Amino acid sequence: MFIRFVIHSNDIDSGRRQGLFQALGELETQGLLLEHEVERYYELRDWFRKNLRKPVSFTRSSKPHAKKVALSWFKDTATQHIGMMRGLVRVLEAHDVMVEILRSDRPGYVVYEDEFQVAAEPFNETLT
């Protein structure tokens, strides 16, 4: 089972629902986060930078300028990472941003995988 945290707004580039880091980044840019929320966001962001590799591929295409359409999903065994995501959820929900947790056994064509996550180009029937 794979897990993805999303909000209801779509990402401009992918056309898919935004992830939590993008959503919080936008709230921060707009100056809507309180000081303690910015601190918590940075703390969690830094934890993920240290404890989760950035996927090296977001597309099946080998073309240099191919559109990056893969989405990141946590493996359900990544319990510490999923728990840390809940901290981001709390900050967003304090600003009335609804978060949905998607679950799928078939996230799409996997283009990257490590111990904690996959990046997959979604199948047509994959909820995104």
N, C-alpha and C. Protein backbone atom coordinates (compact mmCIF):
# COMPACT_ATOMS: atom_id res chain seq x y z
N MET A 1 0.85 -1.18 0.00
CA MET A 1 0.00 0.00 0.00
C MET A 1 0.90 1.24 0.00
N PHE A 2 0.47 2.26 -0.74
CA PHE A 2 1.19 3.52 -0.85
C PHE A 2 0.28 4.65 -0.38
N ILE A 3 0.88 5.68 0.19
CA ILE A 3 0.12 6.77 0.81
C ILE A 3 0.63 8.10 0.28
N ARG A 4 -0.31 8.99 -0.05
CA ARG A 4 0.02 10.33 -0.55
C ARG A 4 -0.86 11.34 0.17
N PHE A 5 -0.26 12.43 0.63
CA PHE A 5 -0.97 13.51 1.29
C PHE A 5 -1.18 14.63 0.28
N VAL A 6 -2.42 15.09 0.11
CA VAL A 6 -2.72 16.14 -0.87
C VAL A 6 -3.73 17.13 -0.30
N ILE A 7 -3.78 18.30 -0.93
CA ILE A 7 -4.85 19.26 -0.66
C ILE A 7 -5.72 19.29 -1.92
N HIS A 8 -6.77 20.09 -1.90
CA HIS A 8 -7.71 20.08 -3.03
C HIS A 8 -7.32 21.01 -4.17
N SER A 9 -6.34 21.88 -3.97
CA SER A 9 -5.88 22.76 -5.05
C SER A 9 -4.92 22.01 -5.96
N ASN A 10 -5.01 22.28 -7.25
CA ASN A 10 -4.13 21.62 -8.22
C ASN A 10 -2.81 22.37 -8.37
N ASP A 11 -1.77 21.61 -8.62
CA ASP A 11 -0.46 22.13 -8.94
C ASP A 11 -0.47 22.62 -10.39
N ILE A 12 0.10 23.78 -10.63
CA ILE A 12 0.10 24.36 -11.98
C ILE A 12 0.85 23.47 -12.97
N ASP A 13 2.00 22.93 -12.56
CA ASP A 13 2.83 22.15 -13.47
C ASP A 13 2.24 20.78 -13.80
N SER A 14 1.83 20.06 -12.78
CA SER A 14 1.38 18.68 -13.01
C SER A 14 -0.11 18.57 -13.30
N GLY A 15 -0.89 19.56 -12.88
CA GLY A 15 -2.34 19.47 -13.02
C GLY A 15 -2.97 18.53 -12.00
N ARG A 16 -2.16 18.01 -11.10
CA ARG A 16 -2.62 17.10 -10.04
C ARG A 16 -2.72 17.89 -8.74
N ARG A 17 -3.38 17.30 -7.75
CA ARG A 17 -3.51 18.00 -6.48
C ARG A 17 -2.15 18.21 -5.82
N GLN A 18 -2.02 19.36 -5.18
CA GLN A 18 -0.77 19.75 -4.55
C GLN A 18 -0.45 18.88 -3.34
N GLY A 19 0.84 18.71 -3.14
CA GLY A 19 1.32 18.09 -1.92
C GLY A 19 1.43 19.12 -0.81
N LEU A 20 1.73 18.65 0.38
CA LEU A 20 1.71 19.51 1.56
C LEU A 20 2.86 20.51 1.58
N PHE A 21 4.03 20.13 1.09
CA PHE A 21 5.14 21.07 1.09
C PHE A 21 4.86 22.25 0.16
N GLN A 22 4.27 21.98 -0.98
CA GLN A 22 3.91 23.07 -1.90
C GLN A 22 2.87 23.98 -1.25
N ALA A 23 1.87 23.38 -0.63
CA ALA A 23 0.80 24.15 -0.01
C ALA A 23 1.35 25.05 1.10
N LEU A 24 2.22 24.50 1.95
CA LEU A 24 2.80 25.30 3.02
C LEU A 24 3.73 26.37 2.49
N GLY A 25 4.47 26.04 1.44
CA GLY A 25 5.34 27.04 0.82
C GLY A 25 4.55 28.24 0.31
N GLU A 26 3.38 27.97 -0.26
CA GLU A 26 2.54 29.07 -0.74
C GLU A 26 2.00 29.91 0.41
N LEU A 27 1.57 29.26 1.50
CA LEU A 27 1.08 30.01 2.66
C LEU A 27 2.20 30.88 3.24
N GLU A 28 3.40 30.34 3.27
CA GLU A 28 4.53 31.11 3.79
C GLU A 28 4.82 32.31 2.88
N THR A 29 4.87 32.07 1.58
CA THR A 29 5.14 33.14 0.62
C THR A 29 4.11 34.26 0.74
N GLN A 30 2.87 33.89 1.01
CA GLN A 30 1.79 34.88 1.15
C GLN A 30 1.80 35.56 2.52
N GLY A 31 2.69 35.13 3.40
CA GLY A 31 2.78 35.73 4.73
C GLY A 31 1.64 35.35 5.66
N LEU A 32 1.03 34.20 5.42
CA LEU A 32 -0.15 33.80 6.19
C LEU A 32 0.17 32.93 7.40
N LEU A 33 1.41 32.44 7.49
CA LEU A 33 1.77 31.58 8.62
C LEU A 33 2.24 32.42 9.80
N LEU A 34 1.82 32.02 10.99
CA LEU A 34 2.30 32.66 12.21
C LEU A 34 3.75 32.24 12.45
N GLU A 35 4.46 32.99 13.26
CA GLU A 35 5.89 32.72 13.47
C GLU A 35 6.14 31.28 13.93
N HIS A 36 5.36 30.79 14.89
CA HIS A 36 5.59 29.42 15.37
C HIS A 36 5.25 28.38 14.29
N GLU A 37 4.34 28.72 13.37
CA GLU A 37 4.01 27.81 12.27
C GLU A 37 5.14 27.77 11.25
N VAL A 38 5.76 28.90 10.99
CA VAL A 38 6.92 28.94 10.09
C VAL A 38 8.04 28.10 10.69
N GLU A 39 8.28 28.26 11.97
CA GLU A 39 9.32 27.47 12.64
C GLU A 39 9.04 25.98 12.54
N ARG A 40 7.78 25.59 12.76
CA ARG A 40 7.42 24.16 12.67
C ARG A 40 7.57 23.66 11.24
N TYR A 41 7.14 24.45 10.26
CA TYR A 41 7.27 24.09 8.85
C TYR A 41 8.75 23.88 8.50
N TYR A 42 9.61 24.81 8.90
CA TYR A 42 11.05 24.68 8.61
C TYR A 42 11.64 23.46 9.31
N GLU A 43 11.24 23.23 10.54
CA GLU A 43 11.73 22.07 11.29
C GLU A 43 11.38 20.76 10.56
N LEU A 44 10.13 20.65 10.14
CA LEU A 44 9.69 19.44 9.44
C LEU A 44 10.34 19.34 8.05
N ARG A 45 10.41 20.44 7.35
CA ARG A 45 11.05 20.44 6.03
C ARG A 45 12.50 19.99 6.13
N ASP A 46 13.21 20.51 7.13
CA ASP A 46 14.61 20.13 7.32
C ASP A 46 14.74 18.66 7.70
N TRP A 47 13.82 18.15 8.51
CA TRP A 47 13.84 16.74 8.88
C TRP A 47 13.71 15.88 7.62
N PHE A 48 12.77 16.23 6.75
CA PHE A 48 12.59 15.46 5.51
C PHE A 48 13.80 15.57 4.60
N ARG A 49 14.42 16.74 4.54
CA ARG A 49 15.63 16.88 3.72
C ARG A 49 16.75 15.96 4.19
N LYS A 50 16.81 15.72 5.49
CA LYS A 50 17.84 14.86 6.06
C LYS A 50 17.47 13.38 6.01
N ASN A 51 16.18 13.07 6.00
CA ASN A 51 15.74 11.70 6.19
C ASN A 51 14.96 11.09 5.02
N LEU A 52 14.90 11.82 3.91
CA LEU A 52 14.20 11.29 2.73
C LEU A 52 14.93 11.79 1.49
N ARG A 53 15.39 10.85 0.68
CA ARG A 53 16.09 11.23 -0.55
C ARG A 53 15.13 11.85 -1.54
N LYS A 54 15.64 12.81 -2.29
CA LYS A 54 14.86 13.38 -3.38
C LYS A 54 14.94 12.40 -4.55
N PRO A 55 13.80 12.02 -5.11
CA PRO A 55 13.84 11.09 -6.26
C PRO A 55 14.72 11.64 -7.38
N VAL A 56 15.45 10.73 -8.02
CA VAL A 56 16.33 11.15 -9.11
C VAL A 56 15.59 11.20 -10.45
N SER A 57 14.38 10.67 -10.49
CA SER A 57 13.61 10.70 -11.73
C SER A 57 12.14 10.94 -11.43
N PHE A 58 11.52 11.76 -12.29
CA PHE A 58 10.08 12.00 -12.20
C PHE A 58 9.40 11.74 -13.53
N THR A 59 10.06 10.98 -14.41
CA THR A 59 9.48 10.66 -15.71
C THR A 59 10.05 9.34 -16.23
N ARG A 60 9.27 8.67 -17.06
CA ARG A 60 9.77 7.46 -17.73
C ARG A 60 10.57 7.80 -18.97
N SER A 61 10.40 9.00 -19.46
CA SER A 61 11.06 9.43 -20.69
C SER A 61 12.54 9.68 -20.46
N SER A 62 13.36 9.37 -21.45
CA SER A 62 14.79 9.67 -21.37
C SER A 62 15.13 11.00 -22.03
N LYS A 63 14.13 11.68 -22.58
CA LYS A 63 14.37 12.98 -23.21
C LYS A 63 14.73 14.01 -22.14
N PRO A 64 15.69 14.88 -22.43
CA PRO A 64 16.19 15.80 -21.41
C PRO A 64 15.16 16.80 -20.90
N HIS A 65 14.18 17.18 -21.71
CA HIS A 65 13.20 18.18 -21.29
C HIS A 65 11.80 17.59 -21.14
N ALA A 66 11.74 16.30 -20.90
CA ALA A 66 10.45 15.63 -20.74
C ALA A 66 9.72 16.19 -19.52
N LYS A 67 8.41 16.30 -19.63
CA LYS A 67 7.59 16.79 -18.53
C LYS A 67 7.67 15.80 -17.37
N LYS A 68 7.92 16.33 -16.18
CA LYS A 68 8.04 15.51 -14.98
C LYS A 68 6.66 15.31 -14.38
N VAL A 69 6.09 14.14 -14.60
CA VAL A 69 4.70 13.90 -14.21
C VAL A 69 4.54 12.90 -13.06
N ALA A 70 5.64 12.33 -12.59
CA ALA A 70 5.55 11.36 -11.50
C ALA A 70 5.19 12.06 -10.19
N LEU A 71 4.45 11.34 -9.36
CA LEU A 71 4.06 11.83 -8.05
C LEU A 71 4.71 10.97 -6.98
N SER A 72 5.04 11.59 -5.86
CA SER A 72 5.67 10.85 -4.77
C SER A 72 4.62 10.26 -3.84
N TRP A 73 4.86 9.01 -3.48
CA TRP A 73 4.00 8.26 -2.55
C TRP A 73 4.88 7.63 -1.49
N PHE A 74 4.43 7.65 -0.24
CA PHE A 74 5.13 6.93 0.81
C PHE A 74 4.73 5.47 0.78
N LYS A 75 5.67 4.62 1.09
CA LYS A 75 5.34 3.22 1.35
C LYS A 75 4.68 3.18 2.73
N ASP A 76 3.71 2.31 2.91
CA ASP A 76 3.02 2.28 4.19
C ASP A 76 3.92 1.84 5.35
N THR A 77 5.08 1.31 5.03
CA THR A 77 6.05 0.92 6.06
C THR A 77 6.88 2.11 6.55
N ALA A 78 6.77 3.25 5.90
CA ALA A 78 7.52 4.46 6.27
C ALA A 78 6.79 5.19 7.40
N THR A 79 6.57 4.50 8.50
CA THR A 79 5.71 5.03 9.56
C THR A 79 6.24 6.31 10.19
N GLN A 80 7.55 6.43 10.35
CA GLN A 80 8.09 7.66 10.93
C GLN A 80 7.86 8.85 9.99
N HIS A 81 8.05 8.65 8.71
CA HIS A 81 7.84 9.71 7.72
C HIS A 81 6.36 10.12 7.68
N ILE A 82 5.50 9.13 7.70
CA ILE A 82 4.06 9.41 7.67
C ILE A 82 3.65 10.18 8.93
N GLY A 83 4.21 9.79 10.06
CA GLY A 83 3.94 10.50 11.30
C GLY A 83 4.40 11.95 11.25
N MET A 84 5.54 12.20 10.64
CA MET A 84 6.04 13.57 10.51
C MET A 84 5.14 14.39 9.57
N MET A 85 4.58 13.74 8.56
CA MET A 85 3.66 14.45 7.66
C MET A 85 2.45 14.98 8.42
N ARG A 86 2.05 14.27 9.44
CA ARG A 86 0.88 14.71 10.23
C ARG A 86 1.13 16.06 10.90
N GLY A 87 2.40 16.39 11.16
CA GLY A 87 2.73 17.71 11.67
C GLY A 87 2.42 18.79 10.65
N LEU A 88 2.70 18.50 9.38
CA LEU A 88 2.37 19.44 8.31
C LEU A 88 0.85 19.57 8.17
N VAL A 89 0.16 18.45 8.33
CA VAL A 89 -1.30 18.45 8.25
C VAL A 89 -1.88 19.41 9.29
N ARG A 90 -1.36 19.35 10.51
CA ARG A 90 -1.89 20.21 11.58
C ARG A 90 -1.73 21.70 11.25
N VAL A 91 -0.59 22.08 10.68
CA VAL A 91 -0.38 23.49 10.33
C VAL A 91 -1.37 23.90 9.24
N LEU A 92 -1.54 23.07 8.22
CA LEU A 92 -2.46 23.41 7.14
C LEU A 92 -3.90 23.48 7.64
N GLU A 93 -4.29 22.53 8.46
CA GLU A 93 -5.67 22.53 8.95
C GLU A 93 -5.96 23.72 9.85
N ALA A 94 -4.93 24.27 10.51
CA ALA A 94 -5.10 25.49 11.31
C ALA A 94 -5.46 26.67 10.42
N HIS A 95 -5.20 26.54 9.12
CA HIS A 95 -5.53 27.59 8.14
C HIS A 95 -6.69 27.17 7.25
N ASP A 96 -7.48 26.23 7.74
CA ASP A 96 -8.67 25.73 7.02
C ASP A 96 -8.34 25.14 5.66
N VAL A 97 -7.15 24.58 5.52
CA VAL A 97 -6.78 23.87 4.30
C VAL A 97 -7.04 22.39 4.55
N MET A 98 -7.98 21.83 3.81
CA MET A 98 -8.35 20.43 3.98
C MET A 98 -7.29 19.53 3.36
N VAL A 99 -6.87 18.52 4.10
CA VAL A 99 -5.88 17.56 3.63
C VAL A 99 -6.57 16.22 3.45
N GLU A 100 -6.28 15.57 2.33
CA GLU A 100 -6.80 14.24 2.08
C GLU A 100 -5.62 13.27 2.00
N ILE A 101 -5.81 12.11 2.56
CA ILE A 101 -4.80 11.06 2.51
C ILE A 101 -5.26 10.02 1.51
N LEU A 102 -4.52 9.91 0.41
CA LEU A 102 -4.85 8.94 -0.63
C LEU A 102 -4.10 7.65 -0.35
N ARG A 103 -4.75 6.53 -0.64
CA ARG A 103 -4.13 5.21 -0.49
C ARG A 103 -4.33 4.45 -1.80
N SER A 104 -3.28 3.74 -2.20
CA SER A 104 -3.38 2.98 -3.44
C SER A 104 -2.40 1.81 -3.42
N ASP A 105 -2.84 0.71 -3.99
CA ASP A 105 -1.93 -0.41 -4.23
C ASP A 105 -1.24 -0.25 -5.58
N ARG A 106 -1.79 0.66 -6.42
CA ARG A 106 -1.27 0.87 -7.78
C ARG A 106 -1.10 2.37 -8.05
N PRO A 107 0.02 2.94 -7.57
CA PRO A 107 0.20 4.38 -7.77
C PRO A 107 0.55 4.78 -9.20
N GLY A 108 0.96 3.82 -10.02
CA GLY A 108 1.31 4.13 -11.41
C GLY A 108 2.58 3.43 -11.82
N TYR A 109 3.17 3.94 -12.92
CA TYR A 109 4.44 3.40 -13.42
C TYR A 109 5.56 3.94 -12.54
N VAL A 110 6.18 3.07 -11.77
CA VAL A 110 7.22 3.50 -10.83
C VAL A 110 8.49 3.89 -11.59
N VAL A 111 8.94 5.12 -11.38
CA VAL A 111 10.15 5.62 -12.03
C VAL A 111 11.28 5.82 -11.04
N TYR A 112 10.97 5.73 -9.75
CA TYR A 112 11.96 5.84 -8.70
C TYR A 112 11.44 5.09 -7.49
N GLU A 113 12.35 4.45 -6.76
CA GLU A 113 11.96 3.76 -5.53
C GLU A 113 13.14 3.72 -4.58
N ASP A 114 12.84 3.94 -3.30
CA ASP A 114 13.83 3.71 -2.25
C ASP A 114 13.12 3.06 -1.07
N GLU A 115 13.76 3.02 0.05
CA GLU A 115 13.23 2.31 1.21
C GLU A 115 11.89 2.87 1.70
N PHE A 116 11.68 4.18 1.51
CA PHE A 116 10.52 4.84 2.11
C PHE A 116 9.46 5.30 1.12
N GLN A 117 9.78 5.38 -0.17
CA GLN A 117 8.87 6.02 -1.12
C GLN A 117 9.03 5.48 -2.52
N VAL A 118 8.05 5.83 -3.35
CA VAL A 118 8.16 5.65 -4.79
C VAL A 118 7.74 6.96 -5.45
N ALA A 119 8.24 7.18 -6.65
CA ALA A 119 7.73 8.23 -7.52
C ALA A 119 7.15 7.48 -8.71
N ALA A 120 5.90 7.77 -9.03
CA ALA A 120 5.22 7.01 -10.07
C ALA A 120 4.39 7.92 -10.97
N GLU A 121 4.46 7.64 -12.27
CA GLU A 121 3.57 8.30 -13.21
C GLU A 121 2.21 7.63 -13.07
N PRO A 122 1.19 8.38 -12.69
CA PRO A 122 -0.09 7.75 -12.37
C PRO A 122 -0.76 7.08 -13.56
N PHE A 123 -1.39 5.94 -13.27
CA PHE A 123 -2.28 5.31 -14.25
C PHE A 123 -3.51 6.20 -14.40
N ASN A 124 -4.27 6.02 -15.46
CA ASN A 124 -5.49 6.81 -15.64
C ASN A 124 -6.45 6.67 -14.48
N GLU A 125 -6.51 5.47 -13.89
CA GLU A 125 -7.47 5.24 -12.80
C GLU A 125 -6.91 5.56 -11.41
N THR A 126 -5.65 5.99 -11.33
CA THR A 126 -5.05 6.29 -10.05
C THR A 126 -5.59 7.60 -9.51
N LEU A 127 -6.06 7.60 -8.26
CA LEU A 127 -6.49 8.84 -7.63
C LEU A 127 -5.28 9.70 -7.38
N THR A 128 -5.36 10.95 -7.78
CA THR A 128 -4.22 11.86 -7.56
C THR A 128 -4.71 13.14 -6.96
